[in-house]
Protein backbone atom coordinates (compact mmCIF):
# COMPACT_ATOMS: atom_id res chain seq x y z
CA UNK A 1 120.57 172.09 80.06
CA UNK A 2 119.33 175.37 78.17
CA UNK A 3 121.74 174.05 75.03
CA UNK A 4 119.45 172.12 72.27
CA UNK A 5 119.62 168.39 72.82
CA UNK A 6 121.05 168.06 69.34
CA UNK A 7 123.63 170.19 69.98
CA UNK A 8 124.63 168.70 73.19
CA UNK A 9 124.34 165.44 71.33
CA UNK A 10 126.91 166.34 68.57
CA UNK A 11 129.46 167.54 71.36
CA UNK A 12 129.34 163.36 72.58
CA UNK A 13 129.65 162.62 68.80
CA UNK A 14 132.78 164.78 68.06
CA UNK A 15 134.41 162.81 70.57
CA UNK A 16 133.67 159.59 69.81
CA UNK A 17 134.27 159.26 65.97
CA UNK A 18 137.23 159.84 63.92
CA UNK A 19 137.77 162.54 61.79
CA UNK A 20 136.56 160.31 58.72
CA UNK A 21 133.00 159.75 59.87
CA UNK A 22 133.05 163.33 61.16
CA UNK A 23 133.38 165.21 58.00
CA UNK A 24 129.66 163.45 57.18
CA UNK A 25 126.82 163.38 59.91
CA UNK A 26 128.68 165.47 62.20
CA UNK A 27 129.68 168.42 59.83
CA UNK A 28 126.00 168.58 58.27
CA UNK A 29 124.28 169.18 61.69
CA UNK A 30 127.32 171.57 62.82
CA UNK A 31 126.41 173.61 59.67
CA UNK A 32 122.16 173.49 59.89
CA UNK A 33 122.81 174.94 63.24
CA UNK A 34 125.22 177.79 62.08
CA UNK A 35 123.24 180.57 60.28
CA UNK A 36 119.91 179.11 59.72
CA UNK A 37 118.07 181.95 62.25
CA UNK A 38 114.22 181.80 61.72
CA UNK A 39 114.47 179.06 59.03
CA UNK A 40 112.90 177.00 61.37
CA UNK A 41 109.36 178.33 60.23
CA UNK A 42 110.53 176.17 56.66
CA UNK A 43 108.35 172.97 56.76
CA UNK A 44 111.49 171.36 54.89
CA UNK A 45 114.02 172.16 57.34
CA UNK A 46 111.47 171.46 60.42
CA UNK A 47 110.49 167.90 58.49
CA UNK A 48 114.51 166.99 58.54
CA UNK A 49 115.20 168.45 62.05
CA UNK A 50 112.64 165.40 63.71
CA UNK A 51 114.05 163.31 61.24
CA UNK A 52 117.54 163.43 62.40
CA UNK A 53 116.48 163.74 65.98
CA UNK A 54 114.25 160.40 65.98
CA UNK A 55 116.03 158.37 63.19
CA UNK A 56 119.49 159.60 61.87
CA UNK A 57 120.83 159.94 65.33
CA UNK A 58 119.84 156.21 66.40
CA UNK A 59 121.18 154.82 63.17
CA UNK A 60 124.45 156.62 64.10
CA UNK A 61 124.90 155.48 67.34
CA UNK A 62 123.75 151.57 66.45
CA UNK A 63 126.26 151.64 63.04
CA UNK A 64 129.53 149.93 62.66
CA UNK A 65 131.34 153.11 62.24
CA UNK A 66 130.58 153.79 65.93
CA UNK A 67 131.37 150.18 67.06
CA UNK A 68 135.25 150.91 68.25
CA UNK A 69 133.41 153.83 70.99
CA UNK A 70 129.92 152.06 71.07
CA UNK A 71 129.57 152.58 74.71
CA UNK A 72 130.64 156.13 75.27
CA UNK A 73 128.60 156.67 72.48
CA UNK A 74 124.95 155.33 73.28
CA UNK A 75 125.57 156.79 77.18
CA UNK A 76 125.93 160.12 75.51
CA UNK A 77 122.30 159.42 73.60
CA UNK A 78 120.74 158.51 76.71
CA UNK A 79 121.55 162.02 78.10
CA UNK A 80 119.46 163.20 75.31
CA UNK A 81 117.17 160.77 74.15
CA UNK A 82 114.07 162.22 76.46
CA UNK A 83 114.25 165.41 75.15
CA UNK A 84 113.71 163.83 71.59
CA UNK A 85 110.69 163.26 69.23
CA UNK A 86 109.31 159.88 69.23
CA UNK A 87 108.57 157.91 66.07
CA UNK A 88 104.45 159.34 65.81
CA UNK A 89 106.15 162.67 65.81
CA UNK A 90 108.02 161.52 62.63
CA UNK A 91 105.37 160.28 61.44
CA UNK A 92 102.91 163.44 61.45
CA UNK A 93 105.94 165.63 60.04
CA UNK A 94 105.79 162.88 56.55
CA UNK A 95 102.20 163.13 56.43
CA UNK A 96 102.23 166.93 56.89
CA UNK A 97 104.45 167.23 53.96
CA UNK A 98 102.16 165.21 52.26
CA UNK A 99 98.99 167.57 53.21
CA UNK A 100 101.06 170.48 52.16
CA UNK A 101 102.05 168.66 48.94
CA UNK A 102 98.24 168.19 48.29
CA UNK A 103 96.29 171.33 49.51
CA UNK A 104 98.43 173.71 47.63
CA UNK A 105 99.40 171.63 45.04
CA UNK A 106 102.96 171.50 45.26
CA UNK A 107 105.58 169.88 42.81
CA UNK A 108 107.66 166.62 45.02
CA UNK A 109 110.08 166.95 42.92
CA UNK A 110 110.09 170.84 43.50
CA UNK A 111 110.10 169.59 47.32
CA UNK A 112 112.58 167.54 47.05
CA UNK A 113 114.80 170.59 45.98
CA UNK A 114 113.91 172.75 48.33
CA UNK A 115 111.93 174.86 46.57
CA UNK A 116 107.77 175.06 46.94
CA UNK A 117 106.34 175.48 43.15
CA UNK A 118 103.38 174.32 42.23
CA UNK A 119 102.79 171.23 40.16
CA UNK A 120 100.45 172.18 37.71
CA UNK A 121 102.05 175.19 35.78
CA UNK A 122 105.61 176.38 36.11
CA UNK A 123 104.50 179.98 34.94
CA UNK A 124 103.21 180.74 38.50
CA UNK A 125 105.67 181.85 41.06
CA UNK A 126 107.04 179.62 43.71
CA UNK A 127 103.88 179.61 46.37
CA UNK A 128 106.27 180.26 49.11
CA UNK A 129 110.12 181.06 48.42
CA UNK A 130 112.54 180.64 51.98
CA UNK A 131 115.66 182.82 52.68
CA UNK A 132 117.56 179.57 52.33
CA UNK A 133 117.01 176.02 50.34
CA UNK A 134 116.87 172.98 52.43
CA UNK A 135 116.78 170.01 49.74
CA UNK A 136 115.67 166.79 50.63
CA UNK A 137 118.08 163.81 51.21
CA UNK A 138 116.97 160.31 49.05
CA UNK A 139 116.63 158.89 52.88
CA UNK A 140 114.22 161.68 53.70
CA UNK A 141 112.02 161.34 50.42
CA UNK A 142 112.05 157.76 51.46
CA UNK A 143 110.68 158.58 54.77
CA UNK A 144 108.00 160.13 53.54
CA UNK A 145 106.82 157.47 50.69
CA UNK A 146 106.91 154.62 53.27
CA UNK A 147 105.10 156.30 55.77
CA UNK A 148 102.71 156.83 52.76
CA UNK A 149 103.05 153.05 51.92
CA UNK A 150 102.34 151.85 55.42
CA UNK A 151 99.29 154.01 55.28
CA UNK A 152 98.16 151.67 51.61
CA UNK A 153 98.35 155.37 50.20
CA UNK A 154 100.18 154.30 47.29
CA UNK A 155 99.40 157.86 45.20
CA UNK A 156 101.71 159.53 47.90
CA UNK A 157 104.07 156.74 48.03
CA UNK A 158 104.92 156.25 44.40
CA UNK A 159 105.28 160.21 44.37
CA UNK A 160 107.63 160.63 47.09
CA UNK A 161 109.39 157.02 46.58
CA UNK A 162 109.96 157.88 42.33
CA UNK A 163 111.85 160.70 43.88
CA UNK A 164 113.74 158.33 46.49
CA UNK A 165 115.23 155.87 43.65
CA UNK A 166 116.32 158.84 41.54
CA UNK A 167 118.38 160.50 44.34
CA UNK A 168 119.55 157.06 45.84
CA UNK A 169 120.52 155.74 41.93
CA UNK A 170 122.80 159.62 41.79
CA UNK A 171 124.28 158.45 44.80
CA UNK A 172 124.80 154.66 44.56
CA UNK A 173 127.68 152.90 46.20
CA UNK A 174 127.87 155.87 49.09
CA UNK A 175 127.12 154.99 52.60
CA UNK A 176 125.57 157.43 54.79
CA UNK A 177 125.65 156.35 58.46
CA UNK A 178 122.43 158.00 59.17
CA UNK A 179 120.50 156.22 56.45
CA UNK A 180 117.43 154.60 56.92
CA UNK A 181 116.90 153.43 53.69
CA UNK A 182 119.16 152.51 50.43
CA UNK A 183 118.12 151.99 46.79
CA UNK A 184 117.22 148.65 47.13
CA UNK A 185 114.34 149.42 49.88
CA UNK A 186 113.31 152.31 47.53
CA UNK A 187 112.56 149.73 44.42
CA UNK A 188 111.33 147.36 46.40
CA UNK A 189 108.99 149.42 48.32
CA UNK A 190 107.87 151.91 44.65
CA UNK A 191 107.36 148.42 42.76
CA UNK A 192 104.79 147.11 45.19
CA UNK A 193 103.13 150.27 44.90
CA UNK A 194 102.69 150.43 41.27
CA UNK A 195 101.76 146.63 41.72
CA UNK A 196 98.80 147.64 44.02
CA UNK A 197 98.15 150.72 41.97
CA UNK A 198 97.69 148.45 39.10
CA UNK A 199 100.23 148.95 37.06
CA UNK A 200 102.36 145.26 36.80
CA UNK A 201 104.84 146.16 33.97
CA UNK A 202 106.30 149.22 35.76
CA UNK A 203 106.35 146.86 39.12
CA UNK A 204 107.65 144.26 37.06
CA UNK A 205 110.60 146.47 35.41
CA UNK A 206 111.25 147.77 38.71
CA UNK A 207 111.81 144.55 40.82
CA UNK A 208 114.37 143.88 37.56
CA UNK A 209 116.37 146.41 38.34
CA UNK A 210 116.17 145.45 42.41
CA UNK A 211 117.67 141.84 40.86
CA UNK A 212 120.44 143.80 38.97
CA UNK A 213 121.71 145.21 42.59
CA UNK A 214 121.24 142.17 44.54
CA UNK A 215 120.97 138.89 42.52
CA UNK A 216 120.68 136.81 45.20
CA UNK A 217 117.19 138.34 46.70
CA UNK A 218 114.80 135.10 46.60
CA UNK A 219 111.27 137.48 47.47
CA UNK A 220 112.09 139.90 44.72
CA UNK A 221 112.61 137.32 42.20
CA UNK A 222 109.22 135.12 43.13
CA UNK A 223 107.56 139.01 42.97
CA UNK A 224 109.51 138.87 38.88
CA UNK A 225 108.21 135.58 38.50
CA UNK A 226 104.53 136.58 39.50
CA UNK A 227 104.47 139.90 37.98
CA UNK A 228 105.53 137.90 34.56
CA UNK A 229 102.64 135.43 34.63
CA UNK A 230 100.15 138.02 35.70
CA UNK A 231 101.17 139.82 32.33
CA UNK A 232 100.80 136.74 30.02
CA UNK A 233 97.86 136.02 31.64
CA UNK A 234 96.50 139.49 31.12
CA UNK A 235 98.46 141.72 28.76
CA UNK A 236 96.06 144.65 29.82
CA UNK A 237 97.90 144.80 32.67
CA UNK A 238 101.35 145.87 30.84
CA UNK A 239 99.80 149.37 30.25
CA UNK A 240 102.45 151.77 31.74
CA UNK A 241 99.52 154.43 32.43
CA UNK A 242 96.94 153.64 35.26
CA UNK A 243 95.07 156.55 36.81
CA UNK A 244 96.39 157.38 40.74
CA UNK A 245 93.24 158.01 42.77
CA UNK A 246 94.00 160.91 45.76
CA UNK A 247 92.85 159.03 48.72
CA UNK A 248 90.03 161.51 50.71
CA UNK A 249 91.00 160.45 53.99
CA UNK A 250 88.05 162.23 56.17
CA UNK A 251 85.34 162.03 52.48
CA UNK A 252 85.61 166.01 52.66
CA UNK A 253 83.03 166.31 50.29
CA UNK A 254 83.92 170.49 49.82
CA UNK A 255 87.92 169.14 49.25
CA UNK A 256 88.23 171.25 46.15
CA UNK A 257 87.00 174.09 46.91
CA UNK A 258 88.60 174.30 50.44
CA UNK A 259 92.41 173.64 48.87
CA UNK A 260 91.30 176.53 46.02
CA UNK A 261 90.58 179.11 48.95
CA UNK A 262 93.58 177.86 50.73
CA UNK A 263 95.50 178.48 47.62
CA UNK A 264 94.73 181.80 47.63
CA UNK A 265 96.46 182.76 50.42
CA UNK A 266 93.62 184.81 51.55
CA UNK A 267 92.43 186.88 49.00
CA UNK A 268 88.75 188.50 49.59
CA UNK A 269 86.43 191.03 47.68
CA UNK A 270 87.57 194.91 48.26
CA UNK A 271 85.16 197.74 48.78
CA UNK A 272 85.62 198.65 45.46
CA UNK A 273 83.74 195.59 44.45
CA UNK A 274 81.14 195.52 47.53
CA UNK A 275 80.41 199.19 48.47
CA UNK A 276 79.29 198.24 52.05
CA UNK A 277 82.55 196.88 52.93
CA UNK A 278 84.66 199.04 54.77
CA UNK A 279 87.29 200.03 57.61
CA UNK A 280 85.64 201.77 60.30
CA UNK A 281 86.35 202.69 64.18
CA UNK A 282 84.29 201.33 66.38
CA UNK A 283 82.95 202.03 69.72
CA UNK A 284 79.54 199.67 70.04
CA UNK A 285 78.32 202.38 72.06
CA UNK A 286 80.68 200.60 74.91
CA UNK A 287 82.20 203.46 77.59
CA UNK A 288 85.02 200.45 77.75
CA UNK A 289 85.62 201.25 73.93
CA UNK A 290 85.06 205.31 73.88
CA UNK A 291 88.74 206.72 74.33
CA UNK A 292 90.32 203.80 72.30
CA UNK A 293 87.91 202.37 69.70
CA UNK A 294 88.96 198.83 67.96
CA UNK A 295 89.69 199.30 64.28
CA UNK A 296 86.77 197.28 62.62
CA UNK A 297 87.64 195.85 59.03
CA UNK A 298 84.18 194.21 57.75
CA UNK A 299 84.67 191.53 55.25
CA UNK A 300 81.46 189.74 54.75
CA UNK A 301 77.77 190.31 55.53
CA UNK A 302 76.37 187.36 54.89
CA UNK A 303 77.54 185.82 56.95
CA UNK A 304 78.60 188.46 58.78
CA UNK A 305 82.64 188.89 59.44
CA UNK A 306 84.58 191.04 60.37
CA UNK A 307 88.39 191.58 61.32
CA UNK A 308 89.41 193.77 63.88
CA UNK A 309 93.11 195.10 63.62
CA UNK A 310 95.04 195.80 66.25
CA UNK A 311 92.76 193.66 68.77
CA UNK A 312 95.66 192.51 71.60
CA UNK A 313 99.21 194.00 71.63
CA UNK A 314 102.58 192.12 71.12
CA UNK A 315 102.76 191.55 74.90
CA UNK A 316 99.65 190.51 75.22
CA UNK A 317 99.88 187.63 72.85
CA UNK A 318 103.38 186.88 73.86
CA UNK A 319 101.48 186.62 77.57
CA UNK A 320 98.85 184.46 76.24
CA UNK A 321 100.98 181.91 74.30
CA UNK A 322 103.43 181.63 77.42
CA UNK A 323 100.47 180.80 80.15
CA UNK A 324 99.09 178.16 77.33
CA UNK A 325 102.63 176.34 76.11
CA UNK A 326 102.76 174.70 79.42
CA UNK A 327 99.13 172.77 79.14
CA UNK A 328 99.26 171.87 75.17
CA UNK A 329 97.78 168.76 74.12
CA UNK A 330 96.84 167.57 71.15
CA UNK A 331 92.92 169.07 69.70
CA UNK A 332 90.02 166.59 69.52
CA UNK A 333 86.71 167.38 67.96
CA UNK A 334 83.16 166.94 69.08
CA UNK A 335 81.82 163.77 67.75
CA UNK A 336 78.43 162.57 68.31
CA UNK A 337 78.50 162.42 72.05
CA UNK A 338 82.17 162.54 72.69
CA UNK A 339 84.97 164.27 71.82
CA UNK A 340 88.29 162.30 70.13
CA UNK A 341 91.43 163.12 68.02
CA UNK A 342 91.34 163.12 64.06
CA UNK A 343 92.92 163.51 61.36
CA UNK A 344 91.51 166.26 60.14
CA UNK A 345 92.40 168.60 62.91
CA UNK A 346 96.23 168.79 63.74
CA UNK A 347 96.98 171.26 66.28
CA UNK A 348 97.97 171.37 70.13
CA UNK A 349 95.28 173.19 72.22
CA UNK A 350 95.14 174.25 75.69
CA UNK A 351 92.27 176.19 77.81
CA UNK A 352 92.97 179.20 80.07
CA UNK A 353 90.22 179.84 82.82
CA UNK A 354 89.53 183.78 83.25
CA UNK A 355 90.82 184.13 86.27
CA UNK A 356 94.37 182.26 85.38
CA UNK A 357 95.97 185.90 84.56
CA UNK A 358 94.70 189.45 84.72
CA UNK A 359 95.84 189.49 80.97
CA UNK A 360 92.87 187.19 79.94
CA UNK A 361 90.96 189.37 82.41
CA UNK A 362 91.11 192.39 80.33
CA UNK A 363 90.78 190.38 77.35
CA UNK A 364 87.52 189.06 78.73
CA UNK A 365 86.08 192.69 79.20
CA UNK A 366 87.17 193.66 75.48
CA UNK A 367 85.91 191.10 74.20
CA UNK A 368 82.40 191.80 75.70
CA UNK A 369 83.09 195.52 74.96
CA UNK A 370 83.29 194.27 70.92
CA UNK A 371 80.36 191.66 71.06
CA UNK A 372 78.39 193.71 73.20
CA UNK A 373 77.41 189.99 74.74
CA UNK A 374 77.59 188.44 78.05
CA UNK A 375 80.75 186.42 78.52
CA UNK A 376 80.52 185.15 82.00
CA UNK A 377 80.27 181.67 83.12
CA UNK A 378 79.19 179.52 81.83
CA UNK A 379 77.52 181.92 78.84
CA UNK A 380 81.03 181.68 77.06
CA UNK A 381 83.66 179.08 77.41
CA UNK A 382 86.80 179.40 78.89
CA UNK A 383 89.62 180.79 76.02
CA UNK A 384 91.35 178.40 73.74
CA UNK A 385 95.02 178.71 72.73
CA UNK A 386 95.71 176.58 69.96
CA UNK A 387 99.42 176.02 68.59
CA UNK A 388 99.63 174.56 64.37
CA UNK A 389 102.82 173.77 63.85
CA UNK A 390 104.10 172.15 60.66
CA UNK A 391 101.09 171.29 58.14
CA UNK A 392 98.68 171.74 60.94
CA UNK A 393 95.35 172.67 60.28
CA UNK A 394 91.27 172.29 60.90
CA UNK A 395 89.28 171.10 57.81
CA UNK A 396 86.12 172.32 57.25
CA UNK A 397 83.65 172.56 60.02
CA UNK A 398 81.13 174.56 62.02
CA UNK A 399 82.11 176.11 65.19
CA UNK A 400 78.35 175.66 66.17
CA UNK A 401 76.79 171.75 67.32
CA UNK A 402 74.68 170.03 64.40
CA UNK A 403 72.98 167.83 66.62
CA UNK A 404 71.32 167.67 70.08
CA UNK A 405 73.73 165.28 70.95
CA UNK A 406 76.86 167.62 70.82
CA UNK A 407 78.79 167.92 74.35
CA UNK A 408 78.91 171.57 73.59
CA UNK A 409 75.61 171.08 75.13
CA UNK A 410 76.26 169.93 78.17
CA UNK A 411 77.35 173.11 79.51
CA UNK A 412 73.62 173.95 79.56
CA UNK A 413 73.96 177.33 78.27
CA UNK A 414 72.55 176.43 74.54
CA UNK A 415 74.63 176.39 71.56
CA UNK A 416 77.35 178.57 70.37
CA UNK A 417 76.17 181.57 68.86
CA UNK A 418 79.44 183.83 68.20
CA UNK A 419 82.79 183.34 67.66
CA UNK A 420 86.14 185.50 68.37
CA UNK A 421 89.21 184.01 66.97
CA UNK A 422 92.57 186.12 67.75
CA UNK A 423 95.42 185.71 65.54
CA UNK A 424 98.37 185.97 68.21
CA UNK A 425 101.26 185.12 66.02
CA UNK A 426 102.24 185.53 62.21
CA UNK A 427 102.79 183.04 59.34
CA UNK A 428 105.27 183.36 56.69
CA UNK A 429 102.80 181.07 54.38
CA UNK A 430 99.50 179.51 54.59
CA UNK A 431 97.46 179.31 57.98
CA UNK A 432 94.17 181.56 56.21
CA UNK A 433 90.81 180.80 57.38
CA UNK A 434 88.59 180.01 54.57
CA UNK A 435 84.78 180.23 54.68
CA UNK A 436 84.16 177.63 52.22
CA UNK A 437 80.24 177.90 51.08
CA UNK A 438 81.07 182.12 51.40
CA UNK A 439 83.54 181.85 48.90
CA UNK A 440 86.00 183.82 51.17
CA UNK A 441 89.45 183.38 52.80
CA UNK A 442 91.12 185.68 55.24
CA UNK A 443 94.65 185.40 55.69
CA UNK A 444 96.70 185.49 59.00
CA UNK A 445 96.91 188.87 60.67
CA UNK A 446 98.96 189.37 64.23
CA UNK A 447 96.90 190.35 66.83
CA UNK A 448 93.89 190.74 65.19
CA UNK A 449 90.54 189.44 65.84
CA UNK A 450 87.99 187.68 63.79
CA UNK A 451 84.48 187.64 64.41
CA UNK A 452 81.27 185.96 62.90
CA UNK A 453 77.92 184.99 63.78
CA UNK A 454 77.32 180.85 64.22
CA UNK A 455 73.57 181.15 64.63
CA UNK A 456 70.95 183.30 62.69
CA UNK A 457 68.64 185.14 65.15
CA UNK A 458 65.67 182.43 65.20
CA UNK A 459 68.51 179.84 66.80
CA UNK A 460 69.34 177.78 63.68
CA UNK A 461 72.93 177.56 62.61
CA UNK A 462 74.36 179.57 59.56
CA UNK A 463 75.47 176.77 56.92
CA UNK A 464 77.40 180.21 55.01
CA UNK A 465 80.04 179.69 58.48
CA UNK A 466 80.99 176.36 57.75
CA UNK A 467 85.21 177.07 57.88
CA UNK A 468 88.24 175.73 57.51
CA UNK A 469 91.67 176.64 59.17
CA UNK A 470 94.04 175.91 56.14
CA UNK A 471 97.31 174.06 56.50
CA UNK A 472 100.46 176.06 58.15
CA UNK A 473 102.37 176.54 54.89
CA UNK A 474 105.44 178.04 56.77
CA UNK A 475 105.78 179.31 60.27
CA UNK A 476 104.09 178.90 63.39
CA UNK A 477 100.37 179.56 63.77
CA UNK A 478 98.86 180.53 67.33
CA UNK A 479 95.44 181.67 68.09
CA UNK A 480 92.99 181.95 70.73
CA UNK A 481 89.13 181.29 70.33
CA UNK A 482 86.56 182.29 72.51
CA UNK A 483 83.43 180.77 71.96
CA UNK A 484 79.83 182.42 73.54
CA UNK A 485 76.80 180.25 73.98
CA UNK A 486 73.16 181.64 73.25
CA UNK A 487 71.68 181.58 77.02
CA UNK A 488 72.82 184.84 78.60
CA UNK A 489 72.19 186.67 75.59
CA UNK A 490 68.33 186.83 75.18
CA UNK A 491 67.86 190.67 75.99
CA UNK A 492 71.65 191.69 73.98
CA UNK A 493 71.18 189.70 70.54
CA UNK A 494 67.28 189.18 70.32
CA UNK A 495 64.98 186.23 68.55
CA UNK A 496 64.11 187.24 65.34
CA UNK A 497 61.84 185.65 62.57
CA UNK A 498 63.71 186.15 59.86
CA UNK A 499 65.61 182.66 58.93
CA UNK A 500 68.17 184.62 56.93
CA UNK A 501 69.05 187.33 59.52
């Protein structure tokens, strides 16, 4: 049972398909399971793995090639089916690739080749260089384009379907058992995408190409007549270039600045630029830290942001992840008076009570010593552990409540005064914490704790703490959040009239 479900599946497949079929899909899967090592960090490999497990295997099972042994193959498939991803997971992986394409300004053509080059300039180095390339197939690109198409997102559907059409043209005449789409499917979706984007001329050209391969298709023939009529009635529609606007799904006003900070992959001012920013050993006048001071890197004074290196050990980080893993669920956000899932936060999270394990008790003591704050319930929330997988992110937001109706006030302990965010893992690329208005991006540093004040001393929210979790470009990002509230801190962080303090 410890074997990967796909490896169990190939065992069944190898015993049911003939030698000709085995040289294709079976050997492709076997090769991918050999020698990939830590390559699962590569988002392209992660996407193709999810696609194979959710879509490709199902197509193989129901293909004509498997018809002679269909019962044996279907039975074998049902043995592993419950361990396989669902279609929602596949859609999420496709949307994650589009998110990475946007935030890191990646070339779709480059992604199809397995490289992470920037779309705007070929002179800049690749934003991430995997140890092994995993190019996408025509069908892989088609599925991403179709997911965008189904969301009426023609900006992304055109880019990905163009790549799919190009790859399908090269391999036209070949049939892969596992493929969901075909050249005709890609041409059909791409033509309609161009039509919806206002480029009737190109929609007509692609539809005519479709009829070259399938002359008897009446629906496409009707589309050709429709496009020809539209071009006669409105000749201006013949213009080949139509500006495509990228959709701003969450209506993010700070999107450009947010993405620029994510692309810097963690740049920040140095001590040479701002002398007050320095590294030091700190005890915070706590007996707990006298013999083992914390290593503080002061990153910004306004808002106050500090990074404490080696705040937890490797063993503690693994223990915390292990405690949280069985309880991970899709993260929610506070919206008005309720909590709900949102596209602008893609991650899984779990909450660990302070008494669940001695490691959490020890961590609480360390946080209390570091901050000088009272973190006993109800003055602080339980530890939230978050896992950001392929393309996982959290768009710009405040940790503190900006409305009295927020669910955060249900604790009856005031607003979130401070945040302690601990990086429990490293990543290969992306995943920085970007402070939008502070124009600051902090990279993922394994075992380090990032600290900032959410509120001024007068109790008002600090607008400069607007921050985001940049999408994980490569790797698996784990963080633990400890939110400390206002109540219980009256004599530990005293109020003050200065609105900037």
